[in-house]
Amino acid sequence: MLSDKMKKQEGKKVIPKPAKSPSLFEAKTDPATVRLLTPREQWTPAQKRADKRAEAAAYARGLVAYDQVLALIGAGDLAGAVRAVTPFQGAHYFVQAIQAVAQAQVQAGELLAAVATAQRLPYADTKGDIIGTVIQALVQRDEIAAAQWLAATVTGFRYVSVMKQIATAQQQAGDVEAARRTLVQTRVYAEGFGEGDSRSGFFRSYYLSEIAKAQVRLGDVAGATDTAQLITHQEEQSWALRAIAEGTAHENAGPI
């Protein structure tokens, strides 16, 4: 074969060869790309392996601490269980340990202690779940005023759940008007919820639908209708309207 030099000497056209692309190992990372990476993404393989080992050790410590808390609860030593989560050995399983202690305190009737324990939970929903169990215990004791006071400390989606508990207790106590006002107050709060993902989110609509159905059960069809008009998610609105229609039909049926 003729070399490129020989081809030039004979007057033949030389087709330039494409530049050789650097291999994966030879290629240099663009400094601009490096700046976009987080420090963790720039770790070496050895650093990543060390991080995984540290993570596994942290999980193991958390699991051991959690098992100790459960053992103390099982032995009836709630004070010891509280001490075991102060401080807790590692972040992993901390929420589960706090929940277990608070639930045990509720079951033991230590409601104030359970509320104090629940305040240590980092998430509004899990905190609201514990507060909800305390509220349930209070309404069972007919301490509705205390339950209302405690419900006011709940934030986020769980607020709707605990306020529905309050409304049910008020209805059972014979104060239907107070129950209706409680649900209207709950609706005003729920109007501030976001829908979530623009394509499939329906959080606000879901909770408003739940409130509308609770209003129907209280016989407040007019209030439920007002609530249904605020629902933007079509499926949730249809559920609310169906409940309203069924509630109205039952009202008009009269005694059998």
Protein backbone atom coordinates (compact mmCIF):
# COMPACT_ATOMS: atom_id res chain seq x y z
CA MET A 1 0.00 0.00 0.00
CA LEU A 2 1.16 3.51 -0.77
CA SER A 3 1.72 5.83 2.17
CA ASP A 4 0.10 9.26 2.26
CA LYS A 5 3.52 10.79 1.44
CA MET A 6 3.95 8.61 -1.63
CA LYS A 7 0.40 9.39 -2.78
CA LYS A 8 1.13 13.11 -2.58
CA GLN A 9 4.28 12.64 -4.64
CA GLU A 10 2.29 10.83 -7.35
CA GLY A 11 -0.42 13.51 -7.30
CA LYS A 12 -3.10 11.29 -5.85
CA LYS A 13 -5.82 12.65 -3.56
CA VAL A 14 -5.24 11.94 0.09
CA ILE A 15 -8.37 11.43 2.23
CA PRO A 16 -7.65 12.67 5.75
CA LYS A 17 -8.24 10.07 8.45
CA PRO A 18 -10.61 10.99 11.29
CA ALA A 19 -8.94 11.88 14.52
CA LYS A 20 -8.74 8.98 16.94
CA SER A 21 -11.27 9.33 19.78
CA PRO A 22 -9.74 8.93 23.22
CA SER A 23 -10.72 5.77 25.04
CA LEU A 24 -12.80 5.88 28.20
CA PHE A 25 -9.66 5.74 30.30
CA GLU A 26 -7.80 8.35 28.25
CA ALA A 27 -10.63 10.87 28.10
CA LYS A 28 -10.34 13.81 30.45
CA THR A 29 -13.39 15.06 32.32
CA ASP A 30 -14.50 18.50 31.34
CA PRO A 31 -13.81 20.85 34.31
CA ALA A 32 -17.28 22.36 33.82
CA THR A 33 -18.81 18.90 34.29
CA VAL A 34 -16.77 18.31 37.44
CA ARG A 35 -18.14 21.52 38.91
CA LEU A 36 -21.69 20.16 38.41
CA LEU A 37 -20.95 16.99 40.37
CA THR A 38 -21.53 16.90 44.10
CA PRO A 39 -18.56 16.03 46.34
CA ARG A 40 -20.08 12.57 46.90
CA GLU A 41 -20.26 11.93 43.13
CA GLN A 42 -16.57 12.75 42.81
CA TRP A 43 -15.53 10.10 45.33
CA THR A 44 -13.04 7.44 44.33
CA PRO A 45 -14.11 3.77 44.32
CA ALA A 46 -12.26 3.29 47.62
CA GLN A 47 -14.15 6.18 49.20
CA LYS A 48 -17.48 4.76 48.01
CA ARG A 49 -16.65 1.33 49.46
CA ALA A 50 -15.71 2.93 52.78
CA ASP A 51 -18.98 4.88 52.77
CA LYS A 52 -21.00 1.70 52.21
CA ARG A 53 -19.21 0.01 55.12
CA ALA A 54 -19.94 3.00 57.36
CA GLU A 55 -23.59 3.00 56.28
CA ALA A 56 -23.95 -0.71 57.03
CA ALA A 57 -22.35 -0.21 60.46
CA ALA A 58 -24.75 2.65 61.21
CA TYR A 59 -27.74 0.48 60.29
CA ALA A 60 -26.43 -2.29 62.51
CA ARG A 61 -26.03 0.10 65.48
CA GLY A 62 -29.52 1.46 64.93
CA LEU A 63 -31.04 -2.01 64.77
CA VAL A 64 -29.33 -3.06 68.01
CA ALA A 65 -30.57 0.10 69.75
CA TYR A 66 -34.09 -0.41 68.38
CA ASP A 67 -34.15 -4.02 69.62
CA GLN A 68 -33.09 -2.79 73.07
CA VAL A 69 -35.97 -0.30 73.11
CA LEU A 70 -38.45 -3.02 72.14
CA ALA A 71 -37.06 -5.30 74.85
CA LEU A 72 -37.55 -2.59 77.49
CA ILE A 73 -41.10 -1.95 76.29
CA GLY A 74 -41.83 -5.67 76.40
CA ALA A 75 -40.56 -5.78 79.99
CA GLY A 76 -42.88 -2.89 80.91
CA ASP A 77 -39.97 -0.52 81.57
CA LEU A 78 -41.27 2.55 79.70
CA ALA A 79 -38.99 4.90 81.63
CA GLY A 80 -36.03 2.79 80.54
CA ALA A 81 -37.28 2.81 76.95
CA VAL A 82 -37.47 6.61 77.02
CA ARG A 83 -33.90 6.77 78.34
CA ALA A 84 -32.78 4.35 75.61
CA VAL A 85 -33.86 6.78 72.91
CA THR A 86 -32.09 9.68 74.65
CA PRO A 87 -29.67 9.59 72.93
CA PHE A 88 -30.34 6.91 70.33
CA GLN A 89 -27.37 5.04 68.92
CA GLY A 90 -27.39 6.23 65.31
CA ALA A 91 -30.02 7.87 63.15
CA HIS A 92 -31.34 4.65 61.63
CA TYR A 93 -34.46 3.18 63.29
CA PHE A 94 -34.81 6.32 65.44
CA VAL A 95 -38.31 7.12 64.12
CA GLN A 96 -39.45 3.53 64.62
CA ALA A 97 -38.11 3.55 68.19
CA ILE A 98 -39.89 6.81 69.04
CA GLN A 99 -43.14 5.51 67.56
CA ALA A 100 -42.88 2.28 69.54
CA VAL A 101 -42.31 4.15 72.82
CA ALA A 102 -45.16 6.61 72.19
CA GLN A 103 -47.60 3.84 71.26
CA ALA A 104 -46.68 1.94 74.42
CA GLN A 105 -47.24 5.09 76.49
CA VAL A 106 -50.70 5.56 74.97
CA GLN A 107 -51.61 1.96 75.73
CA ALA A 108 -50.41 2.45 79.30
CA GLY A 109 -52.56 5.57 79.66
CA GLU A 110 -49.53 7.89 79.88
CA LEU A 111 -51.03 10.34 77.41
CA LEU A 112 -49.01 13.45 78.30
CA ALA A 113 -45.80 11.43 78.11
CA ALA A 114 -46.87 10.07 74.73
CA VAL A 115 -47.45 13.58 73.42
CA ALA A 116 -44.01 14.65 74.66
CA THR A 117 -42.44 11.63 72.97
CA ALA A 118 -44.31 12.31 69.73
CA GLN A 119 -42.91 15.83 69.59
CA ARG A 120 -39.49 14.31 68.94
CA LEU A 121 -40.65 12.80 65.65
CA PRO A 122 -39.19 14.70 62.66
CA TYR A 123 -42.13 14.17 60.27
CA ALA A 124 -45.55 15.82 60.55
CA ASP A 125 -47.43 12.71 59.37
CA THR A 126 -45.84 10.27 61.82
CA LYS A 127 -46.24 12.80 64.61
CA GLY A 128 -49.88 13.28 63.62
CA ASP A 129 -50.46 9.52 63.73
CA ILE A 130 -49.33 9.35 67.36
CA ILE A 131 -51.31 12.45 68.33
CA GLY A 132 -54.31 10.84 66.66
CA THR A 133 -54.07 7.82 68.97
CA VAL A 134 -53.91 10.14 71.98
CA ILE A 135 -56.96 12.05 70.72
CA GLN A 136 -58.82 8.77 70.29
CA ALA A 137 -58.06 7.90 73.91
CA LEU A 138 -59.27 11.33 75.04
CA VAL A 139 -62.57 11.13 73.17
CA GLN A 140 -63.15 7.69 74.63
CA ARG A 141 -62.89 9.37 78.03
CA ASP A 142 -65.34 12.06 76.86
CA GLU A 143 -62.56 14.66 77.22
CA ILE A 144 -63.50 16.39 73.97
CA ALA A 145 -62.19 19.82 74.95
CA ALA A 146 -58.74 18.36 75.66
CA ALA A 147 -58.91 16.46 72.37
CA GLN A 148 -59.73 19.69 70.50
CA TRP A 149 -56.80 21.49 72.13
CA LEU A 150 -54.44 18.68 71.15
CA ALA A 151 -55.81 18.50 67.59
CA ALA A 152 -54.80 22.12 67.08
CA THR A 153 -51.13 21.06 67.43
CA VAL A 154 -51.34 18.71 64.43
CA THR A 155 -50.15 19.98 61.05
CA GLY A 156 -50.26 18.64 57.51
CA PHE A 157 -52.60 16.02 56.11
CA ARG A 158 -53.12 14.30 59.48
CA TYR A 159 -55.00 17.39 60.66
CA VAL A 160 -58.01 16.23 58.63
CA SER A 161 -57.96 12.80 60.27
CA VAL A 162 -57.83 14.09 63.85
CA MET A 163 -60.50 16.72 63.23
CA LYS A 164 -62.80 14.06 61.80
CA GLN A 165 -62.27 12.17 65.06
CA ILE A 166 -63.30 15.29 66.98
CA ALA A 167 -66.41 15.76 64.82
CA THR A 168 -67.43 12.12 65.34
CA ALA A 169 -67.03 12.52 69.12
CA GLN A 170 -69.10 15.71 69.08
CA GLN A 171 -71.83 13.98 67.08
CA GLN A 172 -71.90 11.03 69.46
CA ALA A 173 -72.16 13.48 72.37
CA GLY A 174 -75.27 14.94 70.71
CA ASP A 175 -73.70 18.23 69.64
CA VAL A 176 -74.28 17.94 65.89
CA GLU A 177 -73.91 21.68 65.24
CA ALA A 178 -70.47 21.69 66.87
CA ALA A 179 -69.49 18.68 64.73
CA ARG A 180 -70.57 20.53 61.59
CA ARG A 181 -68.53 23.59 62.57
CA THR A 182 -65.51 21.37 63.19
CA LEU A 183 -65.72 19.97 59.65
CA VAL A 184 -66.10 23.45 58.15
CA GLN A 185 -62.97 24.49 60.06
CA THR A 186 -61.24 21.38 58.71
CA ARG A 187 -62.30 22.26 55.15
CA VAL A 188 -60.82 25.75 55.45
CA TYR A 189 -57.52 24.20 56.55
CA ALA A 190 -57.56 21.59 53.76
CA GLU A 191 -58.07 24.28 51.11
CA GLY A 192 -54.45 25.23 51.70
CA PHE A 193 -53.14 21.80 50.66
CA GLY A 194 -51.34 21.40 47.36
CA GLU A 195 -52.52 18.87 44.79
CA GLY A 196 -49.06 17.34 44.40
CA ASP A 197 -47.82 16.20 40.99
CA SER A 198 -49.55 18.15 38.21
CA ARG A 199 -50.40 14.99 36.24
CA SER A 200 -51.57 12.56 38.93
CA GLY A 201 -51.57 14.55 42.19
CA PHE A 202 -54.83 14.77 44.06
CA PHE A 203 -53.91 15.36 47.73
CA ARG A 204 -56.03 18.46 48.29
CA SER A 205 -58.96 16.96 46.40
CA TYR A 206 -58.70 13.66 48.28
CA TYR A 207 -58.93 15.30 51.69
CA LEU A 208 -61.69 17.66 50.64
CA SER A 209 -63.61 14.63 49.35
CA GLU A 210 -63.13 12.90 52.71
CA ILE A 211 -64.48 15.99 54.48
CA ALA A 212 -67.50 16.15 52.15
CA LYS A 213 -68.33 12.51 52.86
CA ALA A 214 -68.03 13.15 56.62
CA GLN A 215 -70.39 16.10 56.27
CA VAL A 216 -72.92 13.88 54.50
CA ARG A 217 -72.74 11.39 57.37
CA LEU A 218 -73.56 14.28 59.71
CA GLY A 219 -76.57 15.17 57.59
CA ASP A 220 -74.97 18.41 56.41
CA VAL A 221 -75.72 17.98 52.71
CA ALA A 222 -75.52 21.73 52.03
CA GLY A 223 -72.07 21.90 53.63
CA ALA A 224 -70.92 18.81 51.74
CA THR A 225 -72.11 20.38 48.48
CA ASP A 226 -70.09 23.52 49.19
CA THR A 227 -67.03 21.37 49.89
CA ALA A 228 -67.52 19.34 46.70
CA GLN A 229 -67.42 22.52 44.62
CA LEU A 230 -63.85 23.09 45.82
CA ILE A 231 -62.60 19.72 44.56
CA THR A 232 -60.60 20.01 41.33
CA HIS A 233 -59.67 16.34 40.82
CA GLN A 234 -62.50 14.85 38.74
CA GLU A 235 -62.49 11.36 40.25
CA GLU A 236 -62.45 12.61 43.84
CA GLN A 237 -65.21 15.09 43.08
CA SER A 238 -67.35 12.32 41.59
CA TRP A 239 -66.95 10.26 44.78
CA ALA A 240 -68.04 13.23 46.88
CA LEU A 241 -71.02 13.99 44.65
CA ARG A 242 -72.07 10.35 44.74
CA ALA A 243 -72.00 10.39 48.55
CA ILE A 244 -74.07 13.58 48.53
CA ALA A 245 -76.61 12.06 46.14
CA GLU A 246 -76.93 8.93 48.25
CA GLY A 247 -77.24 11.00 51.43
CA THR A 248 -80.00 13.12 49.89
CA ALA A 249 -81.85 10.01 48.71
CA HIS A 250 -81.76 8.58 52.24
CA GLU A 251 -83.07 11.86 53.63
CA ASN A 252 -86.00 11.91 51.19
CA ALA A 253 -86.87 8.27 51.74
CA GLY A 254 -88.33 8.93 55.16
CA PRO A 255 -89.17 6.18 57.66
CA ILE A 256 -89.82 2.73 56.31
